[in-house]
Amino acid sequence: MFLINGSTPPAPKKVSVSVQDLSSGSSGRNADGQMMIDFVASKRKIECEWPSLTTAEMSQVMQLISGVTFTVTYIDPETGAAKTITCYKGDRTAPVYWIIDGAVRWESLKVNFIEV
C-alpha cells in the first residue's frame, strides 16, 4: 500500500523508510564526556524511486506532490501497519530516457518525503 493524498500513484519500484530521532540543540557531551540527549521526536523519511514513466504518469505523481505539504500512506517498518504522515518533498530527479517524435519517456523519478 502506497498512497499520496489518498490517491494511488503508479507503483514505485523502491520505497525505503528511515526512522530519524531528533534531539534539541542543547544535546551534546558534558564536561565529563557523557552524552546528554534531549530527545524531541522520531520522524520518518521515505525515499521513493519510480521506474520508467510515461509523461502522463510523471505528471500524475508530480501533481500529487505539488503542495507544500501532503499526506503519504505507507507500511511502517516499526508497526507493520499502514501509517499516514504529513510530509514535504525533497529534490525531485527525473532523467529523460528518450524523446521520439515529441513524446517523452522518463527513465525514473526519485524523491524523498520528509515528515513534518
C-alpha atoms as a PDB file:
ATOM      1  CA  MET A   1       0.000   0.000   0.000  1.00  0.00           C
ATOM      2  CA  PHE A   2       1.338   3.382  -1.022  1.00  0.00           C
ATOM      3  CA  LEU A   3      -0.891   6.461  -1.291  1.00  0.00           C
ATOM      4  CA  ILE A   4      -0.231  10.157  -1.797  1.00  0.00           C
ATOM      5  CA  ASN A   5      -3.018  12.472  -0.620  1.00  0.00           C
ATOM      6  CA  GLY A   6      -5.297   9.424  -0.562  1.00  0.00           C
ATOM      7  CA  SER A   7      -4.674   8.672  -4.261  1.00  0.00           C
ATOM      8  CA  THR A   8      -2.860   5.699  -5.731  1.00  0.00           C
ATOM      9  CA  PRO A   9       0.124   6.797  -7.858  1.00  0.00           C
ATOM     10  CA  PRO A  10       1.888   4.447 -10.264  1.00  0.00           C
ATOM     11  CA  ALA A  11       3.630   1.782  -8.176  1.00  0.00           C
ATOM     12  CA  PRO A  12       7.106   2.818  -7.037  1.00  0.00           C
ATOM     13  CA  LYS A  13       9.831   0.230  -7.594  1.00  0.00           C
ATOM     14  CA  LYS A  14      11.577   1.144  -4.342  1.00  0.00           C
ATOM     15  CA  VAL A  15      10.350   2.532  -1.028  1.00  0.00           C
ATOM     16  CA  SER A  16      12.893   2.911   1.767  1.00  0.00           C
ATOM     17  CA  VAL A  17      11.767   4.162   5.194  1.00  0.00           C
ATOM     18  CA  SER A  18      14.242   5.808   7.582  1.00  0.00           C
ATOM     19  CA  VAL A  19      13.359   6.465  11.216  1.00  0.00           C
ATOM     20  CA  GLN A  20      15.134   9.606  12.351  1.00  0.00           C
ATOM     21  CA  ASP A  21      15.421  10.537  16.028  1.00  0.00           C
ATOM     22  CA  LEU A  22      15.569  14.276  16.627  1.00  0.00           C
ATOM     23  CA  SER A  23      17.198  15.902  19.647  1.00  0.00           C
ATOM     24  CA  SER A  24      17.272  19.523  20.760  1.00  0.00           C
ATOM     25  CA  GLY A  25      20.181  21.878  20.257  1.00  0.00           C
ATOM     26  CA  SER A  26      21.068  21.506  23.932  1.00  0.00           C
ATOM     27  CA  SER A  27      22.036  17.856  23.382  1.00  0.00           C
ATOM     28  CA  GLY A  28      25.727  17.024  23.366  1.00  0.00           C
ATOM     29  CA  ARG A  29      28.563  15.909  25.605  1.00  0.00           C
ATOM     30  CA  ASN A  30      29.062  17.425  29.027  1.00  0.00           C
ATOM     31  CA  ALA A  31      32.426  18.263  30.648  1.00  0.00           C
ATOM     32  CA  ASP A  32      32.801  14.611  31.775  1.00  0.00           C
ATOM     33  CA  GLY A  33      32.321  13.371  28.202  1.00  0.00           C
ATOM     34  CA  GLN A  34      28.910  11.861  28.897  1.00  0.00           C
ATOM     35  CA  MET A  35      26.333  12.198  26.144  1.00  0.00           C
ATOM     36  CA  MET A  36      23.314  14.218  27.216  1.00  0.00           C
ATOM     37  CA  ILE A  37      20.417  13.732  24.804  1.00  0.00           C
ATOM     38  CA  ASP A  38      17.297  15.861  24.951  1.00  0.00           C
ATOM     39  CA  PHE A  39      15.060  13.688  22.750  1.00  0.00           C
ATOM     40  CA  VAL A  40      12.407  15.666  20.836  1.00  0.00           C
ATOM     41  CA  ALA A  41      10.694  13.239  18.425  1.00  0.00           C
ATOM     42  CA  SER A  42      11.052  10.438  15.892  1.00  0.00           C
ATOM     43  CA  LYS A  43      10.254  11.361  12.289  1.00  0.00           C
ATOM     44  CA  ARG A  44      10.155   9.361   9.069  1.00  0.00           C
ATOM     45  CA  LYS A  45      11.903   9.945   5.758  1.00  0.00           C
ATOM     46  CA  ILE A  46      10.596   7.900   2.838  1.00  0.00           C
ATOM     47  CA  GLU A  47      12.908   7.565  -0.158  1.00  0.00           C
ATOM     48  CA  CYS A  48      10.955   6.617  -3.292  1.00  0.00           C
ATOM     49  CA  GLU A  49      12.004   5.645  -6.765  1.00  0.00           C
ATOM     50  CA  TRP A  50       9.690   5.003  -9.673  1.00  0.00           C
ATOM     51  CA  PRO A  51      10.694   3.020 -12.766  1.00  0.00           C
ATOM     52  CA  SER A  52      10.268   4.299 -16.296  1.00  0.00           C
ATOM     53  CA  LEU A  53       7.191   6.537 -16.505  1.00  0.00           C
ATOM     54  CA  THR A  54       5.115   7.965 -19.328  1.00  0.00           C
ATOM     55  CA  THR A  55       4.575  11.708 -19.392  1.00  0.00           C
ATOM     56  CA  ALA A  56       1.032  11.203 -18.052  1.00  0.00           C
ATOM     57  CA  GLU A  57       2.298   9.042 -15.148  1.00  0.00           C
ATOM     58  CA  MET A  58       5.088  11.504 -14.330  1.00  0.00           C
ATOM     59  CA  SER A  59       2.593  14.362 -14.357  1.00  0.00           C
ATOM     60  CA  GLN A  60       0.245  12.433 -12.046  1.00  0.00           C
ATOM     61  CA  VAL A  61       2.939  11.887  -9.411  1.00  0.00           C
ATOM     62  CA  MET A  62       4.292  15.433  -9.690  1.00  0.00           C
ATOM     63  CA  GLN A  63       0.795  16.905  -9.303  1.00  0.00           C
ATOM     64  CA  LEU A  64       0.085  14.723  -6.250  1.00  0.00           C
ATOM     65  CA  ILE A  65       3.172  16.160  -4.510  1.00  0.00           C
ATOM     66  CA  SER A  66       2.835  19.740  -5.779  1.00  0.00           C
ATOM     67  CA  GLY A  67       1.643  21.180  -2.467  1.00  0.00           C
ATOM     68  CA  VAL A  68       3.938  22.452   0.256  1.00  0.00           C
ATOM     69  CA  THR A  69       2.785  19.531   2.417  1.00  0.00           C
ATOM     70  CA  PHE A  70       0.716  16.439   1.640  1.00  0.00           C
ATOM     71  CA  THR A  71      -0.045  13.046   3.155  1.00  0.00           C
ATOM     72  CA  VAL A  72       1.726   9.782   2.402  1.00  0.00           C
ATOM     73  CA  THR A  73       0.347   6.408   3.474  1.00  0.00           C
ATOM     74  CA  TYR A  74       2.821   3.523   3.604  1.00  0.00           C
ATOM     75  CA  ILE A  75       3.570   0.373   5.588  1.00  0.00           C
ATOM     76  CA  ASP A  76       5.613   1.431   8.613  1.00  0.00           C
ATOM     77  CA  PRO A  77       8.507  -0.912   9.492  1.00  0.00           C
ATOM     78  CA  GLU A  78       8.119  -0.272  13.226  1.00  0.00           C
ATOM     79  CA  THR A  79       4.449  -1.240  13.471  1.00  0.00           C
ATOM     80  CA  GLY A  80       3.963  -3.386  10.356  1.00  0.00           C
ATOM     81  CA  ALA A  81       0.742  -1.479   9.720  1.00  0.00           C
ATOM     82  CA  ALA A  82      -0.365   1.265   7.340  1.00  0.00           C
ATOM     83  CA  LYS A  83       0.575   4.718   8.612  1.00  0.00           C
ATOM     84  CA  THR A  84      -0.317   8.127   7.214  1.00  0.00           C
ATOM     85  CA  ILE A  85       2.061  11.027   7.792  1.00  0.00           C
ATOM     86  CA  THR A  86       2.172  14.634   6.622  1.00  0.00           C
ATOM     87  CA  CYS A  87       5.285  15.310   4.549  1.00  0.00           C
ATOM     88  CA  TYR A  88       7.147  17.815   2.486  1.00  0.00           C
ATOM     89  CA  LYS A  89       9.201  16.788  -0.538  1.00  0.00           C
ATOM     90  CA  GLY A  90      12.912  16.893  -1.206  1.00  0.00           C
ATOM     91  CA  ASP A  91      14.509  17.459  -4.597  1.00  0.00           C
ATOM     92  CA  ARG A  92      12.901  15.618  -7.493  1.00  0.00           C
ATOM     93  CA  THR A  93      15.173  13.891 -10.031  1.00  0.00           C
ATOM     94  CA  ALA A  94      13.599  12.820 -13.332  1.00  0.00           C
ATOM     95  CA  PRO A  95      16.043  11.923 -16.117  1.00  0.00           C
ATOM     96  CA  VAL A  96      14.674  11.552 -19.651  1.00  0.00           C
ATOM     97  CA  TYR A  97      15.006   8.075 -21.182  1.00  0.00           C
ATOM     98  CA  TRP A  98      14.126   9.108 -24.742  1.00  0.00           C
ATOM     99  CA  ILE A  99      12.243  11.632 -26.833  1.00  0.00           C
ATOM    100  CA  ILE A 100      10.734  10.288 -30.047  1.00  0.00           C
ATOM    101  CA  ASP A 101       8.557  12.477 -32.270  1.00  0.00           C
ATOM    102  CA  GLY A 102       7.971  14.810 -29.340  1.00  0.00           C
ATOM    103  CA  ALA A 103       6.867  12.006 -26.988  1.00  0.00           C
ATOM    104  CA  VAL A 104       8.894  11.786 -23.771  1.00  0.00           C
ATOM    105  CA  ARG A 105       9.607   8.634 -21.799  1.00  0.00           C
ATOM    106  CA  TRP A 106      11.107   9.235 -18.369  1.00  0.00           C
ATOM    107  CA  GLU A 107      13.848   6.910 -17.147  1.00  0.00           C
ATOM    108  CA  SER A 108      12.821   7.196 -13.498  1.00  0.00           C
ATOM    109  CA  LEU A 109      11.680   9.531 -10.736  1.00  0.00           C
ATOM    110  CA  LYS A 110      13.426   9.829  -7.372  1.00  0.00           C
ATOM    111  CA  VAL A 111      12.056  11.885  -4.489  1.00  0.00           C
ATOM    112  CA  ASN A 112      12.245  11.893  -0.695  1.00  0.00           C
ATOM    113  CA  PHE A 113       9.241  12.546   1.510  1.00  0.00           C
ATOM    114  CA  ILE A 114      10.177  14.000   4.902  1.00  0.00           C
ATOM    115  CA  GLU A 115       7.720  14.002   7.804  1.00  0.00           C
ATOM    116  CA  VAL A 116       6.928  17.479   9.138  1.00  0.00           C
END
